[in-house]
Amino acid sequence: VQLQASGGGLVQAGDSRRLSCVASGFTGDYYAVGWFRQAPGKGREWVSCTSTSDGSSYYGDSVKGRFTASKDNNENTVYLQMNSLKPEDTAVYYCAAYMITSSNWGQNMDSENMYDYWGQGTLVTVSS
């Protein structure tokens, strides 16, 4: 499985931006695709997680209500729509994935340890 994140760039506070995570190598199983971010000098923070099965998504508290994740199974892509961006959203954004089983969906989706596959990051810079 390979993941390719893209869509980062420089935006102003209040703007919107959409990130894309294109996956290759997914089998017929369902996957959880998560977004994490890492701001300069800080640890990696979980942003969201989306099931490729039904598109259900979960969000970290810092982005809830502003960010929306969605999937396009035809394109093997998960999007992260980011609205009302703030300077504190500045970070390198990573997408990651793991195969969903009957026992792991909904469990610890905010933990990096759950994710087996990682893409390279894409930098989002929000100016004030």
C-alpha atoms as a PDB file:
ATOM      1  CA  VAL A   1       0.000   0.000   0.000  1.00  0.00           C
ATOM      2  CA  GLN A   2       1.269   3.425  -0.887  1.00  0.00           C
ATOM      3  CA  LEU A   3      -0.251   6.751   0.083  1.00  0.00           C
ATOM      4  CA  GLN A   4       0.320  10.078  -1.606  1.00  0.00           C
ATOM      5  CA  ALA A   5      -0.772  13.258   0.152  1.00  0.00           C
ATOM      6  CA  SER A   6      -1.058  16.529  -1.709  1.00  0.00           C
ATOM      7  CA  GLY A   7      -2.798  19.877  -1.679  1.00  0.00           C
ATOM      8  CA  GLY A   8      -0.770  21.833   0.831  1.00  0.00           C
ATOM      9  CA  GLY A   9       0.263  25.415   0.340  1.00  0.00           C
ATOM     10  CA  LEU A  10       0.178  28.910   1.746  1.00  0.00           C
ATOM     11  CA  VAL A  11      -3.227  30.303   2.691  1.00  0.00           C
ATOM     12  CA  GLN A  12      -4.537  33.161   4.788  1.00  0.00           C
ATOM     13  CA  ALA A  13      -6.439  32.822   8.026  1.00  0.00           C
ATOM     14  CA  GLY A  14     -10.093  32.162   7.320  1.00  0.00           C
ATOM     15  CA  ASP A  15      -9.406  30.520   3.976  1.00  0.00           C
ATOM     16  CA  SER A  16     -10.200  26.964   2.963  1.00  0.00           C
ATOM     17  CA  ARG A  17      -7.992  24.268   1.548  1.00  0.00           C
ATOM     18  CA  ARG A  18      -8.549  20.679   0.444  1.00  0.00           C
ATOM     19  CA  LEU A  19      -5.966  17.973   0.905  1.00  0.00           C
ATOM     20  CA  SER A  20      -6.005  14.701  -0.997  1.00  0.00           C
ATOM     21  CA  CYS A  21      -4.677  11.300  -0.039  1.00  0.00           C
ATOM     22  CA  VAL A  22      -4.465   8.916  -2.984  1.00  0.00           C
ATOM     23  CA  ALA A  23      -3.985   5.270  -2.116  1.00  0.00           C
ATOM     24  CA  SER A  24      -2.603   2.520  -4.273  1.00  0.00           C
ATOM     25  CA  GLY A  25      -2.420  -1.137  -3.423  1.00  0.00           C
ATOM     26  CA  PHE A  26      -5.612  -1.344  -1.406  1.00  0.00           C
ATOM     27  CA  THR A  27      -7.090  -4.823  -1.649  1.00  0.00           C
ATOM     28  CA  GLY A  28     -10.786  -5.610  -1.477  1.00  0.00           C
ATOM     29  CA  ASP A  29     -10.748  -5.064   2.277  1.00  0.00           C
ATOM     30  CA  TYR A  30     -11.793  -1.879   3.989  1.00  0.00           C
ATOM     31  CA  TYR A  31      -9.315   0.566   5.378  1.00  0.00           C
ATOM     32  CA  ALA A  32      -9.238   3.360   7.871  1.00  0.00           C
ATOM     33  CA  VAL A  33      -7.543   6.416   6.428  1.00  0.00           C
ATOM     34  CA  GLY A  34      -6.374   8.955   8.923  1.00  0.00           C
ATOM     35  CA  TRP A  35      -4.891  12.400   8.801  1.00  0.00           C
ATOM     36  CA  PHE A  36      -2.278  13.536  11.256  1.00  0.00           C
ATOM     37  CA  ARG A  37      -0.400  16.798  11.438  1.00  0.00           C
ATOM     38  CA  GLN A  38       2.831  17.976  12.947  1.00  0.00           C
ATOM     39  CA  ALA A  39       3.443  21.617  13.676  1.00  0.00           C
ATOM     40  CA  PRO A  40       6.996  22.961  13.930  1.00  0.00           C
ATOM     41  CA  GLY A  41       8.586  21.872  17.169  1.00  0.00           C
ATOM     42  CA  LYS A  42       5.584  19.801  18.254  1.00  0.00           C
ATOM     43  CA  GLY A  43       4.545  16.186  18.244  1.00  0.00           C
ATOM     44  CA  ARG A  44       2.231  14.569  15.729  1.00  0.00           C
ATOM     45  CA  GLU A  45      -1.453  15.266  16.315  1.00  0.00           C
ATOM     46  CA  TRP A  46      -4.352  13.168  15.098  1.00  0.00           C
ATOM     47  CA  VAL A  47      -6.783  15.091  12.889  1.00  0.00           C
ATOM     48  CA  SER A  48      -9.331  12.662  11.492  1.00  0.00           C
ATOM     49  CA  CYS A  49     -10.068   9.091  10.495  1.00  0.00           C
ATOM     50  CA  THR A  50     -12.378   7.869   7.732  1.00  0.00           C
ATOM     51  CA  SER A  51     -13.632   4.415   6.898  1.00  0.00           C
ATOM     52  CA  THR A  52     -13.444   3.474   3.223  1.00  0.00           C
ATOM     53  CA  SER A  53     -16.419   1.212   3.884  1.00  0.00           C
ATOM     54  CA  ASP A  54     -19.150   3.694   4.708  1.00  0.00           C
ATOM     55  CA  GLY A  55     -17.284   6.991   4.843  1.00  0.00           C
ATOM     56  CA  SER A  56     -17.887   7.471   8.549  1.00  0.00           C
ATOM     57  CA  SER A  57     -15.400   9.947   9.922  1.00  0.00           C
ATOM     58  CA  TYR A  58     -14.149  11.027  13.293  1.00  0.00           C
ATOM     59  CA  TYR A  59     -12.269  14.184  14.208  1.00  0.00           C
ATOM     60  CA  GLY A  60      -9.923  15.573  16.760  1.00  0.00           C
ATOM     61  CA  ASP A  61     -11.325  18.273  19.016  1.00  0.00           C
ATOM     62  CA  SER A  62      -9.134  21.008  17.560  1.00  0.00           C
ATOM     63  CA  VAL A  63     -10.612  20.614  14.071  1.00  0.00           C
ATOM     64  CA  LYS A  64     -14.133  19.409  14.783  1.00  0.00           C
ATOM     65  CA  GLY A  65     -16.673  21.581  13.004  1.00  0.00           C
ATOM     66  CA  ARG A  66     -14.075  23.085  10.651  1.00  0.00           C
ATOM     67  CA  PHE A  67     -12.570  20.086   8.880  1.00  0.00           C
ATOM     68  CA  THR A  68     -14.469  17.434   6.939  1.00  0.00           C
ATOM     69  CA  ALA A  69     -13.055  14.192   5.602  1.00  0.00           C
ATOM     70  CA  SER A  70     -14.657  12.342   2.726  1.00  0.00           C
ATOM     71  CA  LYS A  71     -13.866   9.432   0.430  1.00  0.00           C
ATOM     72  CA  ASP A  72     -14.059   8.658  -3.226  1.00  0.00           C
ATOM     73  CA  ASN A  73     -13.615   4.930  -3.595  1.00  0.00           C
ATOM     74  CA  ASN A  74     -13.583   5.176  -7.379  1.00  0.00           C
ATOM     75  CA  GLU A  75     -10.513   7.335  -7.148  1.00  0.00           C
ATOM     76  CA  ASN A  76      -9.060   5.567  -4.089  1.00  0.00           C
ATOM     77  CA  THR A  77      -8.860   8.979  -2.502  1.00  0.00           C
ATOM     78  CA  VAL A  78      -9.687  10.438   0.869  1.00  0.00           C
ATOM     79  CA  TYR A  79     -10.047  14.194   1.060  1.00  0.00           C
ATOM     80  CA  LEU A  80      -9.652  16.552   3.969  1.00  0.00           C
ATOM     81  CA  GLN A  81     -11.619  19.746   3.469  1.00  0.00           C
ATOM     82  CA  MET A  82     -10.256  22.385   5.797  1.00  0.00           C
ATOM     83  CA  ASN A  83     -12.359  25.491   6.390  1.00  0.00           C
ATOM     84  CA  SER A  84     -11.895  28.537   8.594  1.00  0.00           C
ATOM     85  CA  LEU A  85      -8.182  27.900   8.765  1.00  0.00           C
ATOM     86  CA  LYS A  86      -6.221  29.397  11.629  1.00  0.00           C
ATOM     87  CA  PRO A  87      -2.507  30.090  11.995  1.00  0.00           C
ATOM     88  CA  GLU A  88      -2.368  27.268  14.542  1.00  0.00           C
ATOM     89  CA  ASP A  89      -3.387  24.854  11.771  1.00  0.00           C
ATOM     90  CA  THR A  90       0.026  25.395  10.215  1.00  0.00           C
ATOM     91  CA  ALA A  91       1.667  21.987  10.042  1.00  0.00           C
ATOM     92  CA  VAL A  92       2.849  19.192   7.844  1.00  0.00           C
ATOM     93  CA  TYR A  93      -0.179  16.993   7.200  1.00  0.00           C
ATOM     94  CA  TYR A  94       0.247  13.252   6.773  1.00  0.00           C
ATOM     95  CA  CYS A  95      -2.216  10.612   5.689  1.00  0.00           C
ATOM     96  CA  ALA A  96      -1.983   7.091   7.007  1.00  0.00           C
ATOM     97  CA  ALA A  97      -3.996   3.887   6.778  1.00  0.00           C
ATOM     98  CA  TYR A  98      -4.652   0.516   8.346  1.00  0.00           C
ATOM     99  CA  MET A  99      -6.863  -2.390   7.373  1.00  0.00           C
ATOM    100  CA  ILE A 100     -10.157  -2.487   9.243  1.00  0.00           C
ATOM    101  CA  THR A 101     -11.127  -5.685  10.998  1.00  0.00           C
ATOM    102  CA  SER A 102     -14.210  -6.551  13.011  1.00  0.00           C
ATOM    103  CA  SER A 103     -12.290  -5.899  16.193  1.00  0.00           C
ATOM    104  CA  ASN A 104     -10.287  -2.750  15.503  1.00  0.00           C
ATOM    105  CA  TRP A 105     -12.634  -0.238  13.925  1.00  0.00           C
ATOM    106  CA  GLY A 106     -13.325   2.605  16.304  1.00  0.00           C
ATOM    107  CA  GLN A 107     -10.503   1.594  18.601  1.00  0.00           C
ATOM    108  CA  ASN A 108      -7.557   3.902  19.143  1.00  0.00           C
ATOM    109  CA  MET A 109      -7.944   5.553  15.751  1.00  0.00           C
ATOM    110  CA  ASP A 110      -6.142   8.572  17.191  1.00  0.00           C
ATOM    111  CA  SER A 111      -3.014   6.522  17.868  1.00  0.00           C
ATOM    112  CA  GLU A 112      -0.175   6.525  15.366  1.00  0.00           C
ATOM    113  CA  ASN A 113       0.519   2.916  16.351  1.00  0.00           C
ATOM    114  CA  MET A 114      -2.710   1.778  14.683  1.00  0.00           C
ATOM    115  CA  TYR A 115      -1.553   2.848  11.250  1.00  0.00           C
ATOM    116  CA  ASP A 116       0.563   0.540   9.132  1.00  0.00           C
ATOM    117  CA  TYR A 117       0.951   2.705   6.054  1.00  0.00           C
ATOM    118  CA  TRP A 118       2.062   6.307   5.861  1.00  0.00           C
ATOM    119  CA  GLY A 119       2.355   8.816   3.080  1.00  0.00           C
ATOM    120  CA  GLN A 120       4.760  11.671   2.838  1.00  0.00           C
ATOM    121  CA  GLY A 121       3.597  14.944   4.317  1.00  0.00           C
ATOM    122  CA  THR A 122       2.198  18.019   2.673  1.00  0.00           C
ATOM    123  CA  LEU A 123       2.823  21.411   4.258  1.00  0.00           C
ATOM    124  CA  VAL A 124      -0.029  23.763   5.028  1.00  0.00           C
ATOM    125  CA  THR A 125       0.959  27.249   6.125  1.00  0.00           C
ATOM    126  CA  VAL A 126      -1.723  29.603   7.395  1.00  0.00           C
ATOM    127  CA  SER A 127      -0.722  33.246   7.618  1.00  0.00           C
ATOM    128  CA  SER A 128      -2.452  35.676   9.951  1.00  0.00           C
END
